[in-house]
């Protein structure tokens, strides 16, 4: 997994980074192939739910200046610098649960996950 940034040297920080499973990387590549100009997806967090924070995934056509870029198997995962204290070390997976397919987040910092799985605390 490669890490890029134009505004500072991310290697100066003791981060674990973000990782994509092969299934997540394949799905991001499929999304990008269907949407001209799409570079990848951005993983961020917002305050929501009963546990405090929820994950937000957005498509990226142009990176923000504070984005870190993690790349695996030809797929790009962007993350805003301010989200890293909450998501550092997260593995992003793409799974099938019953009839649904969805991204799953395996975050070692997540605690106090709510019963519905929509939010987490750190």
C-alpha atoms as a PDB file:
ATOM      1  CA  UNK A   1       0.000   0.000   0.000  1.00  0.00           C
ATOM      2  CA  UNK A   2       1.463   3.349  -1.030  1.00  0.00           C
ATOM      3  CA  UNK A   3       0.912   6.621   0.804  1.00  0.00           C
ATOM      4  CA  UNK A   4       0.979  10.034  -0.877  1.00  0.00           C
ATOM      5  CA  UNK A   5       0.570  13.618   0.294  1.00  0.00           C
ATOM      6  CA  UNK A   6       1.462  16.993  -1.178  1.00  0.00           C
ATOM      7  CA  UNK A   7       1.196  19.024   2.028  1.00  0.00           C
ATOM      8  CA  UNK A   8       3.476  17.183   4.495  1.00  0.00           C
ATOM      9  CA  UNK A   9       5.409  13.981   4.939  1.00  0.00           C
ATOM     10  CA  UNK A  10       2.977  11.403   6.378  1.00  0.00           C
ATOM     11  CA  UNK A  11       5.890   9.095   7.158  1.00  0.00           C
ATOM     12  CA  UNK A  12       6.769  11.488  10.011  1.00  0.00           C
ATOM     13  CA  UNK A  13       3.713  10.195  11.899  1.00  0.00           C
ATOM     14  CA  UNK A  14       3.501   6.793  13.611  1.00  0.00           C
ATOM     15  CA  UNK A  15       0.372   5.715  11.739  1.00  0.00           C
ATOM     16  CA  UNK A  16      -0.603   2.229  10.715  1.00  0.00           C
ATOM     17  CA  UNK A  17      -2.484   3.593   7.701  1.00  0.00           C
ATOM     18  CA  UNK A  18      -5.571   2.200   6.014  1.00  0.00           C
ATOM     19  CA  UNK A  19      -5.791  -1.062   4.102  1.00  0.00           C
ATOM     20  CA  UNK A  20      -8.114  -2.480   1.465  1.00  0.00           C
ATOM     21  CA  UNK A  21      -8.945  -6.153   1.142  1.00  0.00           C
ATOM     22  CA  UNK A  22      -8.749  -7.559  -2.393  1.00  0.00           C
ATOM     23  CA  UNK A  23     -12.581  -7.546  -2.522  1.00  0.00           C
ATOM     24  CA  UNK A  24     -12.766  -3.860  -1.515  1.00  0.00           C
ATOM     25  CA  UNK A  25     -10.055  -2.900  -4.006  1.00  0.00           C
ATOM     26  CA  UNK A  26     -11.866  -4.774  -6.791  1.00  0.00           C
ATOM     27  CA  UNK A  27     -15.163  -3.042  -6.004  1.00  0.00           C
ATOM     28  CA  UNK A  28     -13.548   0.409  -5.958  1.00  0.00           C
ATOM     29  CA  UNK A  29     -11.928  -0.334  -9.335  1.00  0.00           C
ATOM     30  CA  UNK A  30     -15.340  -1.420 -10.696  1.00  0.00           C
ATOM     31  CA  UNK A  31     -16.959   1.793  -9.434  1.00  0.00           C
ATOM     32  CA  UNK A  32     -14.201   3.903 -10.993  1.00  0.00           C
ATOM     33  CA  UNK A  33     -14.535   2.080 -14.328  1.00  0.00           C
ATOM     34  CA  UNK A  34     -18.269   2.926 -14.427  1.00  0.00           C
ATOM     35  CA  UNK A  35     -17.820   6.599 -13.475  1.00  0.00           C
ATOM     36  CA  UNK A  36     -15.476   8.555 -15.763  1.00  0.00           C
ATOM     37  CA  UNK A  37     -13.226  10.875 -13.785  1.00  0.00           C
ATOM     38  CA  UNK A  38     -13.594   8.985 -10.509  1.00  0.00           C
ATOM     39  CA  UNK A  39     -10.218   8.548  -8.807  1.00  0.00           C
ATOM     40  CA  UNK A  40     -11.315   6.433  -5.842  1.00  0.00           C
ATOM     41  CA  UNK A  41     -13.294   6.732  -2.611  1.00  0.00           C
ATOM     42  CA  UNK A  42     -12.828   8.862   0.513  1.00  0.00           C
ATOM     43  CA  UNK A  43     -13.291   7.358   3.969  1.00  0.00           C
ATOM     44  CA  UNK A  44     -14.119   9.923   6.626  1.00  0.00           C
ATOM     45  CA  UNK A  45     -16.165  10.089   9.816  1.00  0.00           C
ATOM     46  CA  UNK A  46     -19.008  12.237  11.053  1.00  0.00           C
ATOM     47  CA  UNK A  47     -20.639  12.651  14.427  1.00  0.00           C
ATOM     48  CA  UNK A  48     -23.791  10.568  14.370  1.00  0.00           C
ATOM     49  CA  UNK A  49     -25.689   7.766  16.047  1.00  0.00           C
ATOM     50  CA  UNK A  50     -25.829   6.611  19.609  1.00  0.00           C
ATOM     51  CA  UNK A  51     -22.122   5.716  19.879  1.00  0.00           C
ATOM     52  CA  UNK A  52     -20.634   8.945  18.532  1.00  0.00           C
ATOM     53  CA  UNK A  53     -19.174   8.509  15.035  1.00  0.00           C
ATOM     54  CA  UNK A  54     -20.200   6.966  11.742  1.00  0.00           C
ATOM     55  CA  UNK A  55     -18.218   6.134   8.622  1.00  0.00           C
ATOM     56  CA  UNK A  56     -18.775   8.140   5.447  1.00  0.00           C
ATOM     57  CA  UNK A  57     -17.713   6.919   1.997  1.00  0.00           C
ATOM     58  CA  UNK A  58     -17.783   9.337  -0.929  1.00  0.00           C
ATOM     59  CA  UNK A  59     -16.520   9.084  -4.476  1.00  0.00           C
ATOM     60  CA  UNK A  60     -13.496  11.262  -5.254  1.00  0.00           C
ATOM     61  CA  UNK A  61     -13.037  13.129  -8.510  1.00  0.00           C
ATOM     62  CA  UNK A  62     -10.509  15.587  -7.112  1.00  0.00           C
ATOM     63  CA  UNK A  63      -8.553  15.043  -3.892  1.00  0.00           C
ATOM     64  CA  UNK A  64      -8.741  17.593  -1.101  1.00  0.00           C
ATOM     65  CA  UNK A  65      -5.459  19.234  -0.123  1.00  0.00           C
ATOM     66  CA  UNK A  66      -5.418  17.472   3.279  1.00  0.00           C
ATOM     67  CA  UNK A  67      -6.228  14.005   1.896  1.00  0.00           C
ATOM     68  CA  UNK A  68      -3.893  11.107   2.451  1.00  0.00           C
ATOM     69  CA  UNK A  69      -4.027   8.574  -0.370  1.00  0.00           C
ATOM     70  CA  UNK A  70      -3.675   4.855   0.258  1.00  0.00           C
ATOM     71  CA  UNK A  71      -3.380   2.678  -2.828  1.00  0.00           C
ATOM     72  CA  UNK A  72      -3.746  -1.086  -3.174  1.00  0.00           C
ATOM     73  CA  UNK A  73      -4.214  -3.266  -6.241  1.00  0.00           C
ATOM     74  CA  UNK A  74      -4.950  -0.264  -8.458  1.00  0.00           C
ATOM     75  CA  UNK A  75      -7.632   1.178  -6.139  1.00  0.00           C
ATOM     76  CA  UNK A  76      -7.269   4.467  -4.264  1.00  0.00           C
ATOM     77  CA  UNK A  77      -8.628   5.131  -0.795  1.00  0.00           C
ATOM     78  CA  UNK A  78      -8.514   8.776   0.288  1.00  0.00           C
ATOM     79  CA  UNK A  79      -8.753   9.902   3.923  1.00  0.00           C
ATOM     80  CA  UNK A  80      -8.762  13.429   5.328  1.00  0.00           C
ATOM     81  CA  UNK A  81      -5.930  14.065   7.764  1.00  0.00           C
ATOM     82  CA  UNK A  82      -8.361  15.105  10.523  1.00  0.00           C
ATOM     83  CA  UNK A  83     -10.097  11.685  10.356  1.00  0.00           C
ATOM     84  CA  UNK A  84      -6.923   9.665  10.921  1.00  0.00           C
ATOM     85  CA  UNK A  85      -7.058   9.718  14.757  1.00  0.00           C
ATOM     86  CA  UNK A  86     -10.411   7.908  14.460  1.00  0.00           C
ATOM     87  CA  UNK A  87      -9.732   5.520  11.558  1.00  0.00           C
ATOM     88  CA  UNK A  88      -5.992   4.791  11.641  1.00  0.00           C
ATOM     89  CA  UNK A  89      -5.414   1.058  11.259  1.00  0.00           C
ATOM     90  CA  UNK A  90      -8.802   0.406   9.654  1.00  0.00           C
ATOM     91  CA  UNK A  91      -9.168  -2.370   7.111  1.00  0.00           C
ATOM     92  CA  UNK A  92     -11.877  -1.744   4.516  1.00  0.00           C
ATOM     93  CA  UNK A  93     -13.572  -4.868   3.184  1.00  0.00           C
ATOM     94  CA  UNK A  94     -16.411  -5.469   0.717  1.00  0.00           C
ATOM     95  CA  UNK A  95     -18.677  -8.341   1.725  1.00  0.00           C
ATOM     96  CA  UNK A  96     -21.960 -10.008   0.919  1.00  0.00           C
ATOM     97  CA  UNK A  97     -24.434 -10.352   3.790  1.00  0.00           C
ATOM     98  CA  UNK A  98     -27.534 -12.180   2.672  1.00  0.00           C
ATOM     99  CA  UNK A  99     -28.754 -10.383  -0.448  1.00  0.00           C
ATOM    100  CA  UNK A 100     -26.782  -7.207   0.309  1.00  0.00           C
ATOM    101  CA  UNK A 101     -23.244  -6.257  -0.635  1.00  0.00           C
ATOM    102  CA  UNK A 102     -21.568  -3.560   1.420  1.00  0.00           C
ATOM    103  CA  UNK A 103     -18.335  -2.081   2.674  1.00  0.00           C
ATOM    104  CA  UNK A 104     -17.335  -3.226   6.169  1.00  0.00           C
ATOM    105  CA  UNK A 105     -14.834  -1.433   8.361  1.00  0.00           C
ATOM    106  CA  UNK A 106     -12.556  -3.337  10.739  1.00  0.00           C
ATOM    107  CA  UNK A 107     -11.300  -0.519  12.957  1.00  0.00           C
ATOM    108  CA  UNK A 108      -9.025  -1.394  15.897  1.00  0.00           C
ATOM    109  CA  UNK A 109      -9.832   1.989  17.487  1.00  0.00           C
ATOM    110  CA  UNK A 110     -13.605   1.433  17.459  1.00  0.00           C
ATOM    111  CA  UNK A 111     -15.173   0.854  20.845  1.00  0.00           C
ATOM    112  CA  UNK A 112     -18.723   1.053  22.079  1.00  0.00           C
ATOM    113  CA  UNK A 113     -20.255   0.085  18.736  1.00  0.00           C
ATOM    114  CA  UNK A 114     -23.987   0.588  18.769  1.00  0.00           C
ATOM    115  CA  UNK A 115     -26.311  -2.387  18.432  1.00  0.00           C
ATOM    116  CA  UNK A 116     -27.307  -1.556  14.868  1.00  0.00           C
ATOM    117  CA  UNK A 117     -23.653  -1.273  13.780  1.00  0.00           C
ATOM    118  CA  UNK A 118     -24.103   2.214  12.336  1.00  0.00           C
ATOM    119  CA  UNK A 119     -21.888   4.123  14.767  1.00  0.00           C
ATOM    120  CA  UNK A 120     -18.879   3.673  17.034  1.00  0.00           C
ATOM    121  CA  UNK A 121     -16.924   5.428  19.760  1.00  0.00           C
ATOM    122  CA  UNK A 122     -13.141   5.768  20.110  1.00  0.00           C
END
